[in-house]
Amino acid sequence: MSILDLPPMADNATPVILPGLLSGLGITRRQVPSWITDPDTRESIAIGEYEIDDDLAVRDTPTLAQIKKKITGRLCFYVLVYQARIAELEQRISAAEDD
């Protein structure tokens, strides 16, 4: 879907431009959470070098539950990837030993 596929706005409607669109186009700077204090990191986020998840960016300080959820989700993903890779390597070793 492109922006051209969107339905037209009513003539009397107030135009709405999403902040994410403006920052993505480089028109405005990205918002940086106040809990990030390192000036270099703040600048990198503001210019778009780093992405901050929305659920972490909207709070002043991430909760412990949010941090645990992010870490757990990423760890589960990496465990699954490594298990699949190990299984693939074991199959290759078995096939090589059979030859």
Protein backbone atom coordinates (compact mmCIF):
# COMPACT_ATOMS: atom_id res chain seq x y z
CA MET A 1 0.00 0.00 0.00
CA SER A 2 1.31 3.42 -0.84
CA ILE A 3 0.23 6.84 0.29
CA LEU A 4 -1.54 7.23 -3.04
CA ASP A 5 -3.88 4.34 -2.13
CA LEU A 6 -5.27 6.17 0.89
CA PRO A 7 -8.75 7.66 0.61
CA PRO A 8 -8.93 11.43 0.07
CA MET A 9 -9.56 13.75 3.02
CA ALA A 10 -12.69 15.83 3.22
CA ASP A 11 -12.23 19.39 1.98
CA ASN A 12 -13.10 20.85 5.38
CA ALA A 13 -10.96 18.39 7.42
CA THR A 14 -7.97 19.60 9.39
CA PRO A 15 -4.83 17.97 7.97
CA VAL A 16 -3.15 15.52 10.31
CA ILE A 17 0.52 14.71 9.97
CA LEU A 18 1.93 12.03 12.23
CA PRO A 19 5.00 13.00 14.26
CA GLY A 20 6.71 9.76 13.18
CA LEU A 21 6.26 10.69 9.54
CA LEU A 22 7.73 14.14 10.07
CA SER A 23 10.75 12.80 11.93
CA GLY A 24 11.14 9.96 9.42
CA LEU A 25 11.34 12.49 6.61
CA GLY A 26 13.86 14.51 8.57
CA ILE A 27 11.54 17.51 8.95
CA THR A 28 11.52 17.34 12.76
CA ARG A 29 13.82 15.74 15.30
CA ARG A 30 12.84 12.51 17.03
CA GLN A 31 11.76 12.71 20.65
CA VAL A 32 14.31 11.39 23.11
CA PRO A 33 13.15 9.94 26.45
CA SER A 34 14.29 11.96 29.43
CA TRP A 35 15.78 8.89 31.13
CA ILE A 36 18.53 8.78 28.50
CA THR A 37 21.14 11.17 29.85
CA ASP A 38 24.24 10.60 27.73
CA PRO A 39 24.48 13.57 25.33
CA ASP A 40 25.96 11.51 22.47
CA THR A 41 23.27 8.84 22.78
CA ARG A 42 20.55 11.50 22.94
CA GLU A 43 21.87 13.10 19.76
CA SER A 44 22.12 9.72 17.98
CA ILE A 45 18.48 8.98 18.83
CA ALA A 46 17.36 12.46 17.81
CA ILE A 47 18.92 12.16 14.35
CA GLY A 48 17.66 8.60 13.87
CA GLU A 49 20.80 6.50 14.27
CA TYR A 50 19.16 4.52 17.10
CA GLU A 51 15.55 3.42 17.35
CA ILE A 52 13.71 3.37 20.67
CA ASP A 53 10.66 1.11 21.00
CA ASP A 54 7.48 3.11 21.44
CA ASP A 55 6.57 1.43 24.72
CA LEU A 56 9.90 2.54 26.19
CA ALA A 57 9.93 5.98 24.64
CA VAL A 58 6.58 7.12 26.01
CA ARG A 59 7.60 6.73 29.65
CA ASP A 60 10.13 8.83 31.47
CA THR A 61 11.72 5.68 32.89
CA PRO A 62 11.09 2.14 31.66
CA THR A 63 9.55 -0.15 34.23
CA LEU A 64 11.31 -3.31 35.31
CA ALA A 65 8.50 -5.34 33.74
CA GLN A 66 9.09 -3.64 30.37
CA ILE A 67 12.81 -4.30 30.52
CA LYS A 68 12.27 -7.96 31.48
CA LYS A 69 9.75 -8.39 28.66
CA LYS A 70 12.16 -7.01 26.06
CA ILE A 71 15.09 -9.08 27.31
CA THR A 72 13.02 -12.26 27.55
CA GLY A 73 11.59 -11.81 24.07
CA ARG A 74 14.99 -11.28 22.52
CA LEU A 75 16.58 -14.15 24.42
CA CYS A 76 13.82 -16.54 23.34
CA PHE A 77 14.35 -15.51 19.73
CA TYR A 78 18.11 -16.09 19.91
CA VAL A 79 17.67 -19.45 21.65
CA LEU A 80 15.33 -20.61 18.87
CA VAL A 81 17.72 -19.40 16.19
CA TYR A 82 20.69 -21.15 17.79
CA GLN A 83 18.71 -24.37 18.34
CA ALA A 84 17.77 -24.41 14.66
CA ARG A 85 21.36 -23.74 13.67
CA ILE A 86 22.67 -26.50 15.93
CA ALA A 87 20.13 -28.96 14.50
CA GLU A 88 21.22 -28.03 10.97
CA LEU A 89 24.89 -28.52 11.84
CA GLU A 90 24.15 -31.89 13.49
CA GLN A 91 22.39 -33.02 10.30
CA ARG A 92 25.37 -31.99 8.20
CA ILE A 93 27.76 -33.84 10.50
CA SER A 94 25.59 -36.96 10.38
CA ALA A 95 25.40 -36.80 6.59
CA ALA A 96 29.18 -36.36 6.33
CA GLU A 97 29.80 -39.31 8.67
CA ASP A 98 27.47 -41.53 6.62
CA ASP A 99 29.44 -40.80 3.42
